[in-house]
N, C-alpha and C. Protein backbone atom coordinates (compact mmCIF):
# COMPACT_ATOMS: atom_id res chain seq x y z
N UNK A 1 -3.83 32.89 15.03
CA UNK A 1 -3.65 30.72 15.16
C UNK A 1 -3.37 30.66 14.55
N UNK A 2 -5.29 30.70 13.15
CA UNK A 2 -5.59 30.86 12.49
C UNK A 2 -4.54 30.49 11.31
N UNK A 3 -4.52 31.75 10.61
CA UNK A 3 -3.31 32.03 9.95
C UNK A 3 -2.20 30.61 9.61
N UNK A 4 -1.47 30.91 11.34
CA UNK A 4 -0.45 30.20 11.51
C UNK A 4 -1.16 27.98 11.03
N UNK A 5 -1.94 28.15 11.02
CA UNK A 5 -2.35 26.77 11.62
C UNK A 5 -3.32 26.30 9.34
N UNK A 6 -3.37 27.28 9.17
CA UNK A 6 -3.06 27.27 7.26
C UNK A 6 -1.94 27.15 6.45
N UNK A 7 -1.23 28.19 7.74
CA UNK A 7 -0.25 27.68 6.59
C UNK A 7 0.70 27.13 6.89
N UNK A 8 0.83 26.73 7.98
CA UNK A 8 1.50 25.37 8.49
C UNK A 8 0.88 23.82 9.02
N UNK A 9 0.21 23.87 8.93
CA UNK A 9 -0.43 22.26 9.48
C UNK A 9 -1.92 22.14 8.09
N UNK A 10 -2.14 22.51 7.18
CA UNK A 10 -3.07 22.14 6.35
C UNK A 10 -2.37 22.13 5.25
N UNK A 11 -2.83 21.31 4.89
CA UNK A 11 -2.04 20.43 3.29
C UNK A 11 -3.58 20.63 2.99
N UNK A 12 -3.05 21.46 1.33
CA UNK A 12 -3.77 21.94 0.57
C UNK A 12 -3.78 20.93 -0.03
N UNK A 13 -5.38 20.57 -1.58
CA UNK A 13 -5.12 20.28 -2.49
C UNK A 13 -4.78 19.99 -3.66
N UNK A 14 -5.04 21.81 -3.35
CA UNK A 14 -4.35 22.19 -5.19
C UNK A 14 -3.08 22.14 -4.83
N UNK A 15 -2.09 21.96 -4.28
CA UNK A 15 -0.72 22.18 -4.46
C UNK A 15 0.29 20.86 -3.65
N UNK A 16 -0.71 19.35 -3.79
CA UNK A 16 0.01 18.65 -4.11
C UNK A 16 -0.46 17.83 -2.71
N UNK A 17 -0.63 18.61 -2.04
CA UNK A 17 -1.60 17.91 -0.89
C UNK A 17 0.42 17.86 0.27
N UNK A 18 0.13 19.23 0.42
CA UNK A 18 1.50 20.23 1.12
C UNK A 18 1.26 21.20 1.28
N UNK A 19 1.05 21.79 2.60
CA UNK A 19 1.01 23.37 3.46
C UNK A 19 2.04 23.77 2.09
N UNK A 20 1.14 25.59 2.81
CA UNK A 20 1.54 26.33 1.80
C UNK A 20 2.34 26.42 2.05
N UNK A 21 4.02 26.12 3.04
CA UNK A 21 4.72 27.35 3.45
C UNK A 21 5.64 26.18 2.85
N UNK A 22 5.30 25.06 3.23
CA UNK A 22 6.59 23.79 2.20
C UNK A 22 6.44 24.60 0.54
N UNK A 23 5.32 24.60 0.22
CA UNK A 23 5.18 24.98 -1.35
C UNK A 23 6.75 26.59 -0.88
N UNK A 24 6.36 26.92 -0.46
CA UNK A 24 7.12 28.26 -0.93
C UNK A 24 8.33 28.35 -0.38
N UNK A 25 9.08 27.72 0.78
CA UNK A 25 9.72 26.71 0.69
C UNK A 25 10.97 26.35 -0.11
N UNK A 26 9.79 25.42 -0.87
CA UNK A 26 10.63 24.83 -1.71
C UNK A 26 10.49 22.93 -1.23
N UNK A 27 9.69 22.37 -0.41
CA UNK A 27 9.74 20.89 0.27
C UNK A 27 9.07 21.13 0.34
N UNK A 28 8.13 20.68 -1.22
CA UNK A 28 6.63 19.84 -1.79
C UNK A 28 7.99 19.16 -2.46
N UNK A 29 8.11 19.62 -3.65
CA UNK A 29 9.36 18.09 -4.47
C UNK A 29 9.62 16.86 -3.43
N UNK A 30 10.92 17.82 -2.49
CA UNK A 30 10.83 16.44 -1.68
C UNK A 30 9.79 15.35 -1.12
N UNK A 31 9.11 16.21 -0.36
CA UNK A 31 7.94 16.00 0.40
C UNK A 31 6.80 14.24 -0.39
N UNK A 32 6.83 14.83 -2.17
CA UNK A 32 6.14 13.95 -2.78
C UNK A 32 6.80 12.70 -2.90
N UNK A 33 7.77 13.83 -3.06
CA UNK A 33 8.43 12.70 -3.62
C UNK A 33 8.77 11.44 -2.57
N UNK A 34 9.60 11.40 -1.71
CA UNK A 34 8.42 10.86 -0.51
C UNK A 34 7.49 10.30 0.06
N UNK A 35 6.67 10.63 -0.34
CA UNK A 35 5.37 10.40 0.15
C UNK A 35 5.40 8.76 -1.36
N UNK A 36 5.92 8.97 -2.69
CA UNK A 36 5.59 8.65 -3.93
C UNK A 36 7.05 7.41 -3.42
N UNK A 37 8.01 7.34 -2.79
CA UNK A 37 8.77 5.91 -2.70
C UNK A 37 8.39 4.98 -1.14
N UNK A 38 7.57 5.77 -0.64
CA UNK A 38 7.14 5.44 0.84
C UNK A 38 5.82 3.94 -0.07
N UNK A 39 5.35 5.10 -1.33
CA UNK A 39 4.69 4.19 -2.06
C UNK A 39 3.95 3.31 -2.83
N UNK A 40 5.56 3.58 -2.99
CA UNK A 40 6.27 2.15 -3.58
C UNK A 40 6.25 0.92 -3.76
N UNK A 41 7.04 1.05 -2.45
CA UNK A 41 7.23 0.56 -1.62
C UNK A 41 6.27 -0.68 -1.16
N UNK A 42 5.31 0.11 -0.62
CA UNK A 42 4.32 -1.22 0.44
C UNK A 42 3.81 -1.12 -0.94
N UNK A 43 3.85 -0.65 -2.34
CA UNK A 43 3.08 -1.95 -3.47
C UNK A 43 4.41 -3.41 -2.86
N UNK A 44 4.92 -2.82 -3.41
CA UNK A 44 6.11 -3.90 -3.77
C UNK A 44 5.40 -5.13 -2.68
N UNK A 45 5.35 -4.08 -1.61
CA UNK A 45 5.52 -5.95 -0.09
C UNK A 45 4.10 -6.56 0.05
N UNK A 46 3.02 -4.97 -0.62
CA UNK A 46 1.33 -5.77 -0.50
C UNK A 46 1.64 -6.95 -1.80
N UNK A 47 2.06 -6.83 -3.15
CA UNK A 47 1.90 -7.72 -3.54
C UNK A 47 3.28 -9.15 -4.10
N UNK A 48 4.40 -8.95 -2.86
CA UNK A 48 4.26 -9.47 -2.73
C UNK A 48 4.20 -11.18 -1.46
N UNK A 49 3.44 -10.22 -0.30
CA UNK A 49 3.02 -10.53 0.29
C UNK A 49 1.49 -11.38 -0.66
N UNK A 50 0.75 -10.86 -1.31
CA UNK A 50 -0.58 -10.79 -1.39
C UNK A 50 -0.14 -12.92 -2.66
N UNK A 51 1.11 -11.99 -3.28
CA UNK A 51 1.73 -13.64 -3.90
C UNK A 51 2.40 -14.66 -3.83
N UNK A 52 2.48 -14.86 -2.00
CA UNK A 52 3.10 -15.62 -0.66
C UNK A 52 0.97 -16.74 -0.41
N UNK A 53 0.31 -16.27 0.42
CA UNK A 53 -0.88 -15.79 0.06
C UNK A 53 -1.15 -16.71 -0.32
N UNK A 54 -1.42 -16.46 -1.98
CA UNK A 54 -2.11 -16.77 -3.41
C UNK A 54 -0.91 -18.42 -3.57
N UNK A 55 0.66 -18.30 -3.30
CA UNK A 55 0.47 -19.83 -2.77
C UNK A 55 0.27 -20.74 -1.71
N UNK A 56 0.47 -20.92 -0.82
CA UNK A 56 -0.47 -21.21 0.44
C UNK A 56 -2.18 -21.76 -0.62
N UNK A 57 -2.57 -20.70 -1.31
CA UNK A 57 -3.97 -21.05 -0.91
C UNK A 57 -4.05 -22.40 -1.01
N UNK A 58 -3.88 -22.34 -2.98
CA UNK A 58 -3.48 -23.18 -4.31
C UNK A 58 -2.59 -24.31 -3.30
N UNK A 59 -1.07 -24.28 -2.12
CA UNK A 59 -1.51 -25.41 -2.04
C UNK A 59 -2.20 -26.48 -0.93
N UNK A 60 -2.88 -25.53 -0.46
CA UNK A 60 -4.57 -26.44 0.14
C UNK A 60 -4.83 -26.64 -0.44
N UNK A 61 -5.30 -25.70 -1.60
CA UNK A 61 -6.50 -26.40 -1.91
C UNK A 61 -5.59 -27.55 -3.28
N UNK A 62 -4.99 -28.09 -3.07
CA UNK A 62 -4.09 -29.26 -3.65
C UNK A 62 -4.45 -29.98 -2.92
N UNK A 63 -3.46 -30.29 -1.73
CA UNK A 63 -4.14 -31.06 -0.85
C UNK A 63 -5.76 -31.40 -0.54
N UNK A 64 -6.31 -30.36 -0.52
CA UNK A 64 -7.79 -30.80 -0.45
C UNK A 64 -8.06 -32.08 -1.95
N UNK A 65 -7.87 -30.94 -2.64
CA UNK A 65 -8.43 -32.57 -4.42
C UNK A 65 -8.02 -33.48 -4.32
N UNK A 66 -6.27 -33.84 -3.47
CA UNK A 66 -5.70 -34.95 -3.35
C UNK A 66 -7.00 -36.02 -2.18
N UNK A 67 -7.51 -34.90 -1.32
CA UNK A 67 -8.12 -35.71 0.14
C UNK A 67 -8.72 -35.85 -0.99
N UNK A 68 -10.17 -34.83 -1.73
CA UNK A 68 -11.42 -35.93 -2.35
C UNK A 68 -11.13 -36.77 -2.45
N UNK A 69 -9.85 -37.45 -3.43
CA UNK A 69 -10.12 -38.47 -4.50
C UNK A 69 -9.11 -39.34 -3.67
N UNK A 70 -8.35 -39.34 -3.00
CA UNK A 70 -8.67 -40.90 -2.24
C UNK A 70 -10.15 -41.35 -0.86
N UNK A 71 -10.81 -40.28 -0.96
CA UNK A 71 -12.47 -40.66 -0.19
C UNK A 71 -12.69 -40.77 -1.11
N UNK A 72 -13.25 -40.56 -2.50
CA UNK A 72 -13.92 -41.22 -3.44
C UNK A 72 -13.19 -42.77 -4.28
N UNK A 73 -11.69 -42.39 -4.02
CA UNK A 73 -11.14 -44.04 -4.02
C UNK A 73 -11.68 -45.44 -3.45
N UNK A 74 -11.93 -45.10 -1.91
CA UNK A 74 -11.30 -46.09 -1.38
C UNK A 74 -13.69 -45.96 -1.68
N UNK A 75 -13.95 -45.38 -1.58
CA UNK A 75 -15.76 -46.53 -2.58
C UNK A 75 -15.58 -46.94 -2.84
């Protein structure tokens, strides 16, 4: 039972966090490439989302500054 877990379920850091069974069957490269593809996609989405949030913050900041200027000019 422990041998099955060790070889088929437990990812090993020394072989790229894949199981020994995946490494021996030749699937390790495929698994690693798939992980890399997912990471790149997640980074691109996060970057896009951060840029959108930044532009929204700048818009809010500009509106607030304009309101502050109007208030000061009315005094």
